[in-house]
Amino acid sequence: MLGSASPVAFLPSGDLDRSRRFYEDTLRLRCIEQNPIAVVFDINGISLRITLVDAPPASPFTVFGWVVADIHASIAGLLAVGVSFQRFPGMTQDEHGAWGAPGGALVAWFLDPDANLLSLTQPPPP
């Protein structure tokens, strides 16, 4: 029924101006709209709608992520603009913060200003 509909992703924020600076200036996403209750970005035809809430909850799990071709280059680029990567107890992560998933993918995590847990994933080799 919805297989041909375009998806929209949602994230909460307590401060839309701060979120816009992070997603637009730090992550280099293209803002397509801002109004009093949301700021919207276009990510390759997918809308990411960051919605104003009173108290955004910190997420203990990944809420949004990107598939990247070279995770270490992506990590290096984000580190260069001040993004810090998360480390988790019990997970073996390399010196860059990337974890090797059982299927061969590499995954790294970082937080946005509202503690939304975001990820980068490099698929396993074919």
PDB file of N, CA and C in Angstrom:
ATOM      1  N   MET A   1       0.801  -1.198   0.000  1.00  0.00           N
ATOM      2  CA  MET A   1       0.000   0.000   0.000  1.00  0.00           C
ATOM      3  C   MET A   1       0.853   1.275   0.000  1.00  0.00           C
ATOM      4  N   LEU A   2       1.916   1.313   0.806  1.00  0.00           N
ATOM      5  CA  LEU A   2       2.759   2.503   0.881  1.00  0.00           C
ATOM      6  C   LEU A   2       4.115   2.308   0.208  1.00  0.00           C
ATOM      7  N   GLY A   3       4.300   1.202  -0.473  1.00  0.00           N
ATOM      8  CA  GLY A   3       5.588   0.896  -1.091  1.00  0.00           C
ATOM      9  C   GLY A   3       6.084   1.925  -2.092  1.00  0.00           C
ATOM     10  N   SER A   4       5.198   2.655  -2.722  1.00  0.00           N
ATOM     11  CA  SER A   4       5.631   3.659  -3.693  1.00  0.00           C
ATOM     12  C   SER A   4       5.552   5.083  -3.140  1.00  0.00           C
ATOM     13  N   ALA A   5       5.134   5.231  -1.889  1.00  0.00           N
ATOM     14  CA  ALA A   5       5.059   6.554  -1.258  1.00  0.00           C
ATOM     15  C   ALA A   5       6.446   6.989  -0.789  1.00  0.00           C
ATOM     16  N   SER A   6       6.692   8.274  -0.759  1.00  0.00           N
ATOM     17  CA  SER A   6       7.985   8.801  -0.308  1.00  0.00           C
ATOM     18  C   SER A   6       8.036   8.842   1.212  1.00  0.00           C
ATOM     19  N   PRO A   7       9.114   8.340   1.809  1.00  0.00           N
ATOM     20  CA  PRO A   7       9.222   8.365   3.263  1.00  0.00           C
ATOM     21  C   PRO A   7       9.610   9.750   3.779  1.00  0.00           C
ATOM     22  N   VAL A   8       9.272  10.006   5.030  1.00  0.00           N
ATOM     23  CA  VAL A   8       9.687  11.196   5.760  1.00  0.00           C
ATOM     24  C   VAL A   8      10.226  10.711   7.095  1.00  0.00           C
ATOM     25  N   ALA A   9      11.421  11.154   7.443  1.00  0.00           N
ATOM     26  CA  ALA A   9      12.007  10.795   8.742  1.00  0.00           C
ATOM     27  C   ALA A   9      11.777  11.946   9.709  1.00  0.00           C
ATOM     28  N   PHE A  10      11.588  11.638  10.997  1.00  0.00           N
ATOM     29  CA  PHE A  10      11.332  12.638  12.015  1.00  0.00           C
ATOM     30  C   PHE A  10      12.342  12.503  13.152  1.00  0.00           C
ATOM     31  N   LEU A  11      12.826  13.629  13.635  1.00  0.00           N
ATOM     32  CA  LEU A  11      13.665  13.678  14.828  1.00  0.00           C
ATOM     33  C   LEU A  11      13.168  14.810  15.714  1.00  0.00           C
ATOM     34  N   PRO A  12      13.258  14.650  17.027  1.00  0.00           N
ATOM     35  CA  PRO A  12      12.842  15.722  17.935  1.00  0.00           C
ATOM     36  C   PRO A  12      13.982  16.690  18.219  1.00  0.00           C
ATOM     37  N   SER A  13      13.606  17.929  18.528  1.00  0.00           N
ATOM     38  CA  SER A  13      14.592  18.935  18.903  1.00  0.00           C
ATOM     39  C   SER A  13      13.977  19.898  19.914  1.00  0.00           C
ATOM     40  N   GLY A  14      14.780  20.334  20.855  1.00  0.00           N
ATOM     41  CA  GLY A  14      14.355  21.355  21.806  1.00  0.00           C
ATOM     42  C   GLY A  14      14.715  22.754  21.347  1.00  0.00           C
ATOM     43  N   ASP A  15      15.499  22.869  20.269  1.00  0.00           N
ATOM     44  CA  ASP A  15      15.953  24.172  19.778  1.00  0.00           C
ATOM     45  C   ASP A  15      16.181  24.058  18.266  1.00  0.00           C
ATOM     46  N   LEU A  16      15.226  24.538  17.495  1.00  0.00           N
ATOM     47  CA  LEU A  16      15.303  24.369  16.040  1.00  0.00           C
ATOM     48  C   LEU A  16      16.467  25.126  15.412  1.00  0.00           C
ATOM     49  N   ASP A  17      16.788  26.312  15.932  1.00  0.00           N
ATOM     50  CA  ASP A  17      17.919  27.053  15.367  1.00  0.00           C
ATOM     51  C   ASP A  17      19.228  26.290  15.573  1.00  0.00           C
ATOM     52  N   ARG A  18      19.399  25.735  16.762  1.00  0.00           N
ATOM     53  CA  ARG A  18      20.601  24.937  17.048  1.00  0.00           C
ATOM     54  C   ARG A  18      20.643  23.704  16.156  1.00  0.00           C
ATOM     55  N   SER A  19      19.506  23.033  15.994  1.00  0.00           N
ATOM     56  CA  SER A  19      19.448  21.855  15.121  1.00  0.00           C
ATOM     57  C   SER A  19      19.757  22.234  13.682  1.00  0.00           C
ATOM     58  N   ARG A  20      19.216  23.355  13.234  1.00  0.00           N
ATOM     59  CA  ARG A  20      19.484  23.767  11.855  1.00  0.00           C
ATOM     60  C   ARG A  20      20.972  24.007  11.652  1.00  0.00           C
ATOM     61  N   ARG A  21      21.626  24.674  12.595  1.00  0.00           N
ATOM     62  CA  ARG A  21      23.069  24.906  12.469  1.00  0.00           C
ATOM     63  C   ARG A  21      23.828  23.584  12.377  1.00  0.00           C
ATOM     64  N   PHE A  22      23.468  22.621  13.218  1.00  0.00           N
ATOM     65  CA  PHE A  22      24.168  21.335  13.215  1.00  0.00           C
ATOM     66  C   PHE A  22      23.954  20.599  11.895  1.00  0.00           C
ATOM     67  N   TYR A  23      22.713  20.434  11.496  1.00  0.00           N
ATOM     68  CA  TYR A  23      22.423  19.642  10.300  1.00  0.00           C
ATOM     69  C   TYR A  23      22.837  20.356   9.012  1.00  0.00           C
ATOM     70  N   GLU A  24      22.717  21.671   8.985  1.00  0.00           N
ATOM     71  CA  GLU A  24      23.057  22.414   7.776  1.00  0.00           C
ATOM     72  C   GLU A  24      24.547  22.742   7.720  1.00  0.00           C
ATOM     73  N   ASP A  25      25.090  23.308   8.797  1.00  0.00           N
ATOM     74  CA  ASP A  25      26.484  23.758   8.773  1.00  0.00           C
ATOM     75  C   ASP A  25      27.479  22.626   9.034  1.00  0.00           C
ATOM     76  N   THR A  26      27.176  21.761   9.985  1.00  0.00           N
ATOM     77  CA  THR A  26      28.109  20.693  10.338  1.00  0.00           C
ATOM     78  C   THR A  26      27.971  19.492   9.407  1.00  0.00           C
ATOM     79  N   LEU A  27      26.739  19.010   9.231  1.00  0.00           N
ATOM     80  CA  LEU A  27      26.537  17.816   8.392  1.00  0.00           C
ATOM     81  C   LEU A  27      26.354  18.154   6.913  1.00  0.00           C
ATOM     82  N   ARG A  28      26.198  19.421   6.597  1.00  0.00           N
ATOM     83  CA  ARG A  28      26.087  19.911   5.215  1.00  0.00           C
ATOM     84  C   ARG A  28      24.825  19.421   4.497  1.00  0.00           C
ATOM     85  N   LEU A  29      23.721  19.309   5.243  1.00  0.00           N
ATOM     86  CA  LEU A  29      22.448  18.954   4.623  1.00  0.00           C
ATOM     87  C   LEU A  29      21.774  20.222   4.102  1.00  0.00           C
ATOM     88  N   ARG A  30      20.941  20.059   3.095  1.00  0.00           N
ATOM     89  CA  ARG A  30      20.259  21.200   2.480  1.00  0.00           C
ATOM     90  C   ARG A  30      18.909  21.431   3.142  1.00  0.00           C
ATOM     91  N   CYS A  31      18.772  22.594   3.777  1.00  0.00           N
ATOM     92  CA  CYS A  31      17.508  22.975   4.410  1.00  0.00           C
ATOM     93  C   CYS A  31      16.542  23.414   3.328  1.00  0.00           C
ATOM     94  N   ILE A  32      15.325  22.868   3.387  1.00  0.00           N
ATOM     95  CA  ILE A  32      14.318  23.252   2.397  1.00  0.00           C
ATOM     96  C   ILE A  32      13.163  24.023   3.020  1.00  0.00           C
ATOM     97  N   GLU A  33      13.086  24.042   4.342  1.00  0.00           N
ATOM     98  CA  GLU A  33      11.999  24.772   4.998  1.00  0.00           C
ATOM     99  C   GLU A  33      12.301  24.925   6.475  1.00  0.00           C
ATOM    100  N   GLN A  34      11.921  26.069   7.018  1.00  0.00           N
ATOM    101  CA  GLN A  34      11.897  26.230   8.470  1.00  0.00           C
ATOM    102  C   GLN A  34      10.667  27.047   8.814  1.00  0.00           C
ATOM    103  N   ASN A  35       9.961  26.592   9.831  1.00  0.00           N
ATOM    104  CA  ASN A  35       8.799  27.311  10.346  1.00  0.00           C
ATOM    105  C   ASN A  35       8.855  27.218  11.866  1.00  0.00           C
ATOM    106  N   PRO A  36       7.902  27.761  12.588  1.00  0.00           N
ATOM    107  CA  PRO A  36       8.001  27.756  14.055  1.00  0.00           C
ATOM    108  C   PRO A  36       7.998  26.376  14.718  1.00  0.00           C
ATOM    109  N   ILE A  37       7.581  25.330  14.002  1.00  0.00           N
ATOM    110  CA  ILE A  37       7.516  24.012  14.655  1.00  0.00           C
ATOM    111  C   ILE A  37       8.444  22.966  14.054  1.00  0.00           C
ATOM    112  N   ALA A  38       9.125  23.291  12.949  1.00  0.00           N
ATOM    113  CA  ALA A  38       9.992  22.276  12.333  1.00  0.00           C
ATOM    114  C   ALA A  38      10.999  22.924  11.398  1.00  0.00           C
ATOM    115  N   VAL A  39      12.083  22.209  11.196  1.00  0.00           N
ATOM    116  CA  VAL A  39      13.046  22.534  10.146  1.00  0.00           C
ATOM    117  C   VAL A  39      13.198  21.257   9.321  1.00  0.00           C
ATOM    118  N   VAL A  40      13.165  21.414   7.988  1.00  0.00           N
ATOM    119  CA  VAL A  40      13.128  20.253   7.099  1.00  0.00           C
ATOM    120  C   VAL A  40      14.339  20.287   6.177  1.00  0.00           C
ATOM    121  N   PHE A  41      14.967  19.131   6.039  1.00  0.00           N
ATOM    122  CA  PHE A  41      16.127  18.973   5.165  1.00  0.00           C
ATOM    123  C   PHE A  41      15.808  17.952   4.085  1.00  0.00           C
ATOM    124  N   ASP A  42      16.429  18.139   2.930  1.00  0.00           N
ATOM    125  CA  ASP A  42      16.330  17.158   1.849  1.00  0.00           C
ATOM    126  C   ASP A  42      17.606  16.331   1.853  1.00  0.00           C
ATOM    127  N   ILE A  43      17.450  15.015   1.904  1.00  0.00           N
ATOM    128  CA  ILE A  43      18.593  14.108   1.847  1.00  0.00           C
ATOM    129  C   ILE A  43      18.347  13.164   0.676  1.00  0.00           C
ATOM    130  N   ASN A  44      18.877  13.524  -0.475  1.00  0.00           N
ATOM    131  CA  ASN A  44      18.704  12.706  -1.684  1.00  0.00           C
ATOM    132  C   ASN A  44      17.252  12.352  -1.948  1.00  0.00           C
ATOM    133  N   GLY A  45      16.352  13.339  -1.825  1.00  0.00           N
ATOM    134  CA  GLY A  45      14.944  13.118  -2.105  1.00  0.00           C
ATOM    135  C   GLY A  45      14.125  12.639  -0.919  1.00  0.00           C
ATOM    136  N   ILE A  46      14.759  12.384   0.207  1.00  0.00           N
ATOM    137  CA  ILE A  46      14.055  11.981   1.430  1.00  0.00           C
ATOM    138  C   ILE A  46      14.005  13.194   2.344  1.00  0.00           C
ATOM    139  N   SER A  47      12.854  13.465   2.939  1.00  0.00           N
ATOM    140  CA  SER A  47      12.728  14.577   3.873  1.00  0.00           C
ATOM    141  C   SER A  47      13.092  14.139   5.288  1.00  0.00           C
ATOM    142  N   LEU A  48      13.930  14.940   5.922  1.00  0.00           N
ATOM    143  CA  LEU A  48      14.225  14.775   7.343  1.00  0.00           C
ATOM    144  C   LEU A  48      13.597  15.969   8.032  1.00  0.00           C
ATOM    145  N   ARG A  49      12.576  15.710   8.818  1.00  0.00           N
ATOM    146  CA  ARG A  49      11.815  16.756   9.501  1.00  0.00           C
ATOM    147  C   ARG A  49      12.199  16.748  10.977  1.00  0.00           C
ATOM    148  N   ILE A  50      12.837  17.817  11.407  1.00  0.00           N
ATOM    149  CA  ILE A  50      13.224  17.960  12.808  1.00  0.00           C
ATOM    150  C   ILE A  50      12.163  18.825  13.462  1.00  0.00           C
ATOM    151  N   THR A  51      11.466  18.231  14.419  1.00  0.00           N
ATOM    152  CA  THR A  51      10.270  18.835  14.993  1.00  0.00           C
ATOM    153  C   THR A  51      10.535  19.334  16.409  1.00  0.00           C
ATOM    154  N   LEU A  52      10.042  20.523  16.694  1.00  0.00           N
ATOM    155  CA  LEU A  52      10.204  21.121  18.015  1.00  0.00           C
ATOM    156  C   LEU A  52       9.357  20.381  19.045  1.00  0.00           C
ATOM    157  N   VAL A  53       9.990  19.989  20.139  1.00  0.00           N
ATOM    158  CA  VAL A  53       9.305  19.356  21.268  1.00  0.00           C
ATOM    159  C   VAL A  53       9.811  20.018  22.554  1.00  0.00           C
ATOM    160  N   ASP A  54       9.042  19.902  23.626  1.00  0.00           N
ATOM    161  CA  ASP A  54       9.441  20.531  24.887  1.00  0.00           C
ATOM    162  C   ASP A  54      10.708  19.933  25.473  1.00  0.00           C
ATOM    163  N   ALA A  55      10.758  18.620  25.541  1.00  0.00           N
ATOM    164  CA  ALA A  55      11.911  17.955  26.149  1.00  0.00           C
ATOM    165  C   ALA A  55      12.249  16.709  25.340  1.00  0.00           C
ATOM    166  N   PRO A  56      13.151  16.838  24.361  1.00  0.00           N
ATOM    167  CA  PRO A  56      13.479  15.658  23.552  1.00  0.00           C
ATOM    168  C   PRO A  56      14.122  14.572  24.413  1.00  0.00           C
ATOM    169  N   PRO A  57      13.636  13.347  24.292  1.00  0.00           N
ATOM    170  CA  PRO A  57      14.247  12.260  25.069  1.00  0.00           C
ATOM    171  C   PRO A  57      15.563  11.817  24.434  1.00  0.00           C
ATOM    172  N   ALA A  58      16.541  11.499  25.256  1.00  0.00           N
ATOM    173  CA  ALA A  58      17.792  10.925  24.736  1.00  0.00           C
ATOM    174  C   ALA A  58      17.481   9.505  24.274  1.00  0.00           C
ATOM    175  N   SER A  59      17.924   9.169  23.089  1.00  0.00           N
ATOM    176  CA  SER A  59      17.620   7.842  22.561  1.00  0.00           C
ATOM    177  C   SER A  59      18.750   6.869  22.888  1.00  0.00           C
ATOM    178  N   PRO A  60      18.420   5.704  23.434  1.00  0.00           N
ATOM    179  CA  PRO A  60      19.442   4.703  23.738  1.00  0.00           C
ATOM    180  C   PRO A  60      19.776   3.830  22.526  1.00  0.00           C
ATOM    181  N   PHE A  61      19.177   4.131  21.389  1.00  0.00           N
ATOM    182  CA  PHE A  61      19.380   3.346  20.173  1.00  0.00           C
ATOM    183  C   PHE A  61      19.439   4.301  18.979  1.00  0.00           C
ATOM    184  N   THR A  62      19.923   3.808  17.863  1.00  0.00           N
ATOM    185  CA  THR A  62      20.031   4.616  16.657  1.00  0.00           C
ATOM    186  C   THR A  62      18.641   5.013  16.164  1.00  0.00           C
ATOM    187  N   VAL A  63      18.484   6.312  15.855  1.00  0.00           N
ATOM    188  CA  VAL A  63      17.201   6.787  15.356  1.00  0.00           C
ATOM    189  C   VAL A  63      17.269   7.230  13.898  1.00  0.00           C
ATOM    190  N   PHE A  64      18.480   7.446  13.369  1.00  0.00           N
ATOM    191  CA  PHE A  64      18.627   7.844  11.974  1.00  0.00           C
ATOM    192  C   PHE A  64      20.060   7.562  11.563  1.00  0.00           C
ATOM    193  N   GLY A  65      20.258   7.220  10.296  1.00  0.00           N
ATOM    194  CA  GLY A  65      21.619   6.946   9.852  1.00  0.00           C
ATOM    195  C   GLY A  65      21.783   7.102   8.357  1.00  0.00           C
ATOM    196  N   TRP A  66      23.031   7.024   7.947  1.00  0.00           N
ATOM    197  CA  TRP A  66      23.402   7.148   6.543  1.00  0.00           C
ATOM    198  C   TRP A  66      24.251   5.948   6.143  1.00  0.00           C
ATOM    199  N   VAL A  67      24.060   5.466   4.922  1.00  0.00           N
ATOM    200  CA  VAL A  67      24.935   4.458   4.327  1.00  0.00           C
ATOM    201  C   VAL A  67      26.015   5.228   3.579  1.00  0.00           C
ATOM    202  N   VAL A  68      27.260   4.909   3.876  1.00  0.00           N
ATOM    203  CA  VAL A  68      28.392   5.602   3.259  1.00  0.00           C
ATOM    204  C   VAL A  68      29.308   4.590   2.576  1.00  0.00           C
ATOM    205  N   ALA A  69      30.018   5.045   1.569  1.00  0.00           N
ATOM    206  CA  ALA A  69      30.923   4.164   0.836  1.00  0.00           C
ATOM    207  C   ALA A  69      32.212   3.907   1.602  1.00  0.00           C
ATOM    208  N   ASP A  70      32.698   4.911   2.339  1.00  0.00           N
ATOM    209  CA  ASP A  70      33.967   4.805   3.066  1.00  0.00           C
ATOM    210  C   ASP A  70      33.769   5.386   4.448  1.00  0.00           C
ATOM    211  N   ILE A  71      33.519   4.525   5.419  1.00  0.00           N
ATOM    212  CA  ILE A  71      33.192   4.997   6.762  1.00  0.00           C
ATOM    213  C   ILE A  71      34.347   5.763   7.396  1.00  0.00           C
ATOM    214  N   HIS A  72      35.569   5.339   7.150  1.00  0.00           N
ATOM    215  CA  HIS A  72      36.702   6.026   7.786  1.00  0.00           C
ATOM    216  C   HIS A  72      36.898   7.429   7.213  1.00  0.00           C
ATOM    217  N   ALA A  73      36.656   7.613   5.931  1.00  0.00           N
ATOM    218  CA  ALA A  73      36.714   8.959   5.341  1.00  0.00           C
ATOM    219  C   ALA A  73      35.574   9.821   5.885  1.00  0.00           C
ATOM    220  N   SER A  74      34.392   9.226   6.041  1.00  0.00           N
ATOM    221  CA  SER A  74      33.258   9.967   6.593  1.00  0.00           C
ATOM    222  C   SER A  74      33.515  10.358   8.049  1.00  0.00           C
ATOM    223  N   ILE A  75      34.051   9.440   8.820  1.00  0.00           N
ATOM    224  CA  ILE A  75      34.394   9.746  10.217  1.00  0.00           C
ATOM    225  C   ILE A  75      35.413  10.880  10.257  1.00  0.00           C
ATOM    226  N   ALA A  76      36.464  10.785   9.445  1.00  0.00           N
ATOM    227  CA  ALA A  76      37.503  11.822   9.425  1.00  0.00           C
ATOM    228  C   ALA A  76      36.907  13.184   9.073  1.00  0.00           C
ATOM    229  N   GLY A  77      36.012  13.219   8.102  1.00  0.00           N
ATOM    230  CA  GLY A  77      35.385  14.475   7.719  1.00  0.00           C
ATOM    231  C   GLY A  77      34.544  15.066   8.827  1.00  0.00           C
ATOM    232  N   LEU A  78      33.822  14.217   9.538  1.00  0.00           N
ATOM    233  CA  LEU A  78      32.996  14.707  10.642  1.00  0.00           C
ATOM    234  C   LEU A  78      33.844  15.110  11.848  1.00  0.00           C
ATOM    235  N   LEU A  79      34.900  14.354  12.132  1.00  0.00           N
ATOM    236  CA  LEU A  79      35.805  14.746  13.211  1.00  0.00           C
ATOM    237  C   LEU A  79      36.401  16.130  12.932  1.00  0.00           C
ATOM    238  N   ALA A  80      36.708  16.405  11.673  1.00  0.00           N
ATOM    239  CA  ALA A  80      37.319  17.681  11.281  1.00  0.00           C
ATOM    240  C   ALA A  80      36.404  18.874  11.541  1.00  0.00           C
ATOM    241  N   VAL A  81      35.086  18.643  11.604  1.00  0.00           N
ATOM    242  CA  VAL A  81      34.151  19.735  11.884  1.00  0.00           C
ATOM    243  C   VAL A  81      33.581  19.659  13.295  1.00  0.00           C
ATOM    244  N   GLY A  82      34.243  18.869  14.155  1.00  0.00           N
ATOM    245  CA  GLY A  82      33.902  18.864  15.570  1.00  0.00           C
ATOM    246  C   GLY A  82      32.927  17.813  16.057  1.00  0.00           C
ATOM    247  N   VAL A  83      32.546  16.875  15.203  1.00  0.00           N
ATOM    248  CA  VAL A  83      31.643  15.803  15.639  1.00  0.00           C
ATOM    249  C   VAL A  83      32.448  14.777  16.423  1.00  0.00           C
ATOM    250  N   SER A  84      31.899  14.324  17.549  1.00  0.00           N
ATOM    251  CA  SER A  84      32.535  13.284  18.366  1.00  0.00           C
ATOM    252  C   SER A  84      31.790  11.974  18.161  1.00  0.00           C
ATOM    253  N   PHE A  85      32.535  10.891  18.105  1.00  0.00           N
ATOM    254  CA  PHE A  85      31.926   9.587  17.921  1.00  0.00           C
ATOM    255  C   PHE A  85      31.791   8.866  19.255  1.00  0.00           C
ATOM    256  N   GLN A  86      30.733   8.079  19.359  1.00  0.00           N
ATOM    257  CA  GLN A  86      30.391   7.380  20.586  1.00  0.00           C
ATOM    258  C   GLN A  86      31.110   6.036  20.674  1.00  0.00           C
ATOM    259  N   ARG A  87      31.430   5.670  21.878  1.00  0.00           N
ATOM    260  CA  ARG A  87      31.978   4.335  22.153  1.00  0.00           C
ATOM    261  C   ARG A  87      31.035   3.651  23.130  1.00  0.00           C
ATOM    262  N   PHE A  88      30.847   2.360  22.931  1.00  0.00           N
ATOM    263  CA  PHE A  88      29.913   1.616  23.750  1.00  0.00           C
ATOM    264  C   PHE A  88      30.613   0.454  24.433  1.00  0.00           C
ATOM    265  N   PRO A  89      30.408   0.282  25.728  1.00  0.00           N
ATOM    266  CA  PRO A  89      31.013  -0.834  26.451  1.00  0.00           C
ATOM    267  C   PRO A  89      30.592  -2.169  25.841  1.00  0.00           C
ATOM    268  N   GLY A  90      31.536  -3.070  25.754  1.00  0.00           N
ATOM    269  CA  GLY A  90      31.250  -4.403  25.245  1.00  0.00           C
ATOM    270  C   GLY A  90      31.276  -4.515  23.727  1.00  0.00           C
ATOM    271  N   MET A  91      31.488  -3.401  23.045  1.00  0.00           N
ATOM    272  CA  MET A  91      31.565  -3.436  21.577  1.00  0.00           C
ATOM    273  C   MET A  91      33.001  -3.133  21.178  1.00  0.00           C
ATOM    274  N   THR A  92      33.558  -3.972  20.339  1.00  0.00           N
ATOM    275  CA  THR A  92      34.927  -3.745  19.870  1.00  0.00           C
ATOM    276  C   THR A  92      34.873  -2.762  18.705  1.00  0.00           C
ATOM    277  N   GLN A  93      35.358  -1.549  18.982  1.00  0.00           N
ATOM    278  CA  GLN A  93      35.378  -0.503  17.968  1.00  0.00           C
ATOM    279  C   GLN A  93      36.826  -0.155  17.657  1.00  0.00           C
ATOM    280  N   ASP A  94      37.106   0.128  16.382  1.00  0.00           N
ATOM    281  CA  ASP A  94      38.481   0.449  16.005  1.00  0.00           C
ATOM    282  C   ASP A  94      38.869   1.843  16.504  1.00  0.00           C
ATOM    283  N   GLU A  95      40.075   2.255  16.197  1.00  0.00           N
ATOM    284  CA  GLU A  95      40.581   3.534  16.702  1.00  0.00           C
ATOM    285  C   GLU A  95      39.770   4.725  16.205  1.00  0.00           C
ATOM    286  N   HIS A  96      38.979   4.542  15.159  1.00  0.00           N
ATOM    287  CA  HIS A  96      38.143   5.611  14.619  1.00  0.00           C
ATOM    288  C   HIS A  96      36.722   5.565  15.185  1.00  0.00           C
ATOM    289  N   GLY A  97      36.400   4.521  15.935  1.00  0.00           N
ATOM    290  CA  GLY A  97      35.066   4.375  16.507  1.00  0.00           C
ATOM    291  C   GLY A  97      34.160   3.453  15.727  1.00  0.00           C
ATOM    292  N   ALA A  98      34.660   2.840  14.654  1.00  0.00           N
ATOM    293  CA  ALA A  98      33.827   1.953  13.842  1.00  0.00           C
ATOM    294  C   ALA A  98      33.789   0.548  14.444  1.00  0.00           C
ATOM    295  N   TRP A  99      32.603  -0.025  14.455  1.00  0.00           N
ATOM    296  CA  TRP A  99      32.366  -1.374  14.954  1.00  0.00           C
ATOM    297  C   TRP A  99      32.121  -2.289  13.767  1.00  0.00           C
ATOM    298  N   GLY A 100      32.708  -3.476  13.797  1.00  0.00           N
ATOM    299  CA  GLY A 100      32.494  -4.470  12.752  1.00  0.00           C
ATOM    300  C   GLY A 100      31.314  -5.355  13.103  1.00  0.00           C
ATOM    301  N   ALA A 101      30.199  -5.183  12.389  1.00  0.00           N
ATOM    302  CA  ALA A 101      29.003  -5.987  12.619  1.00  0.00           C
ATOM    303  C   ALA A 101      29.249  -7.422  12.164  1.00  0.00           C
ATOM    304  N   PRO A 102      28.517  -8.394  12.710  1.00  0.00           N
ATOM    305  CA  PRO A 102      28.718  -9.801  12.339  1.00  0.00           C
ATOM    306  C   PRO A 102      28.629 -10.062  10.841  1.00  0.00           C
ATOM    307  N   GLY A 103      27.812  -9.338  10.110  1.00  0.00           N
ATOM    308  CA  GLY A 103      27.667  -9.548   8.667  1.00  0.00           C
ATOM    309  C   GLY A 103      28.739  -8.867   7.834  1.00  0.00           C
ATOM    310  N   GLY A 104      29.651  -8.125   8.477  1.00  0.00           N
ATOM    311  CA  GLY A 104      30.734  -7.482   7.753  1.00  0.00           C
ATOM    312  C   GLY A 104      30.587  -5.983   7.542  1.00  0.00           C
ATOM    313  N   ALA A 105      29.439  -5.420   7.887  1.00  0.00           N
ATOM    314  CA  ALA A 105      29.270  -3.965   7.786  1.00  0.00           C
ATOM    315  C   ALA A 105      30.090  -3.289   8.883  1.00  0.00           C
ATOM    316  N   LEU A 106      30.454  -2.045   8.646  1.00  0.00           N
ATOM    317  CA  LEU A 106      31.096  -1.215   9.660  1.00  0.00           C
ATOM    318  C   LEU A 106      30.113  -0.129  10.058  1.00  0.00           C
ATOM    319  N   VAL A 107      30.007   0.131  11.369  1.00  0.00           N
ATOM    320  CA  VAL A 107      29.035   1.103  11.875  1.00  0.00           C
ATOM    321  C   VAL A 107      29.719   1.999  12.897  1.00  0.00           C
ATOM    322  N   ALA A 108      29.401   3.286  12.843  1.00  0.00           N
ATOM    323  CA  ALA A 108      29.890   4.252  13.835  1.00  0.00           C
ATOM    324  C   ALA A 108      28.728   5.158  14.214  1.00  0.00           C
ATOM    325  N   TRP A 109      28.761   5.664  15.447  1.00  0.00           N
ATOM    326  CA  TRP A 109      27.651   6.449  15.975  1.00  0.00           C
ATOM    327  C   TRP A 109      28.107   7.801  16.487  1.00  0.00           C
ATOM    328  N   PHE A 110      27.214   8.786  16.355  1.00  0.00           N
ATOM    329  CA  PHE A 110      27.448  10.111  16.920  1.00  0.00           C
ATOM    330  C   PHE A 110      26.101  10.710  17.329  1.00  0.00           C
ATOM    331  N   LEU A 111      26.168  11.743  18.158  1.00  0.00           N
ATOM    332  CA  LEU A 111      24.963  12.394  18.666  1.00  0.00           C
ATOM    333  C   LEU A 111      24.754  13.744  18.005  1.00  0.00           C
ATOM    334  N   ASP A 112      23.491  14.105  17.832  1.00  0.00           N
ATOM    335  CA  ASP A 112      23.188  15.477  17.434  1.00  0.00           C
ATOM    336  C   ASP A 112      23.044  16.305  18.721  1.00  0.00           C
ATOM    337  N   PRO A 113      22.798  17.597  18.636  1.00  0.00           N
ATOM    338  CA  PRO A 113      22.722  18.428  19.846  1.00  0.00           C
ATOM    339  C   PRO A 113      21.600  18.059  20.813  1.00  0.00           C
ATOM    340  N   ASP A 114      20.616  17.270  20.370  1.00  0.00           N
ATOM    341  CA  ASP A 114      19.527  16.842  21.247  1.00  0.00           C
ATOM    342  C   ASP A 114      19.680  15.402  21.719  1.00  0.00           C
ATOM    343  N   ALA A 115      20.875  14.848  21.558  1.00  0.00           N
ATOM    344  CA  ALA A 115      21.196  13.474  21.969  1.00  0.00           C
ATOM    345  C   ALA A 115      20.451  12.424  21.151  1.00  0.00           C
ATOM    346  N   ASN A 116      20.041  12.771  19.923  1.00  0.00           N
ATOM    347  CA  ASN A 116      19.535  11.758  18.996  1.00  0.00           C
ATOM    348  C   ASN A 116      20.745  10.977  18.499  1.00  0.00           C
ATOM    349  N   LEU A 117      20.704   9.659  18.648  1.00  0.00           N
ATOM    350  CA  LEU A 117      21.825   8.817  18.238  1.00  0.00           C
ATOM    351  C   LEU A 117      21.737   8.551  16.736  1.00  0.00           C
ATOM    352  N   LEU A 118      22.759   9.008  16.010  1.00  0.00           N
ATOM    353  CA  LEU A 118      22.832   8.899  14.557  1.00  0.00           C
ATOM    354  C   LEU A 118      23.951   7.929  14.183  1.00  0.00           C
ATOM    355  N   SER A 119      23.871   7.351  13.002  1.00  0.00           N
ATOM    356  CA  SER A 119      24.895   6.371  12.625  1.00  0.00           C
ATOM    357  C   SER A 119      25.356   6.540  11.184  1.00  0.00           C
ATOM    358  N   LEU A 120      26.540   5.997  10.952  1.00  0.00           N
ATOM    359  CA  LEU A 120      27.092   5.807   9.619  1.00  0.00           C
ATOM    360  C   LEU A 120      27.259   4.305   9.444  1.00  0.00           C
ATOM    361  N   THR A 121      26.919   3.779   8.281  1.00  0.00           N
ATOM    362  CA  THR A 121      27.112   2.356   8.008  1.00  0.00           C
ATOM    363  C   THR A 121      27.784   2.191   6.658  1.00  0.00           C
ATOM    364  N   GLN A 122      28.869   1.451   6.661  1.00  0.00           N
ATOM    365  CA  GLN A 122      29.513   1.043   5.405  1.00  0.00           C
ATOM    366  C   GLN A 122      29.121  -0.411   5.180  1.00  0.00           C
ATOM    367  N   PRO A 123      28.422  -0.693   4.070  1.00  0.00           N
ATOM    368  CA  PRO A 123      28.003  -2.074   3.828  1.00  0.00           C
ATOM    369  C   PRO A 123      29.193  -3.007   3.692  1.00  0.00           C
ATOM    370  N   PRO A 124      28.962  -4.303   3.924  1.00  0.00           N
ATOM    371  CA  PRO A 124      30.053  -5.260   3.751  1.00  0.00           C
ATOM    372  C   PRO A 124      30.456  -5.355   2.286  1.00  0.00           C
ATOM    373  N   PRO A 125      31.681  -5.785   2.035  1.00  0.00           N
ATOM    374  CA  PRO A 125      32.078  -5.975   0.637  1.00  0.00           C
ATOM    375  C   PRO A 125      31.228  -7.059  -0.015  1.00  0.00           C
ATOM    376  N   PRO A 126      31.044  -6.937  -1.343  1.00  0.00           N
ATOM    377  CA  PRO A 126      30.200  -7.939  -2.036  1.00  0.00           C
ATOM    378  C   PRO A 126      30.781  -9.327  -2.002  1.00  0.00           C
TER     379      PRO A 126
END
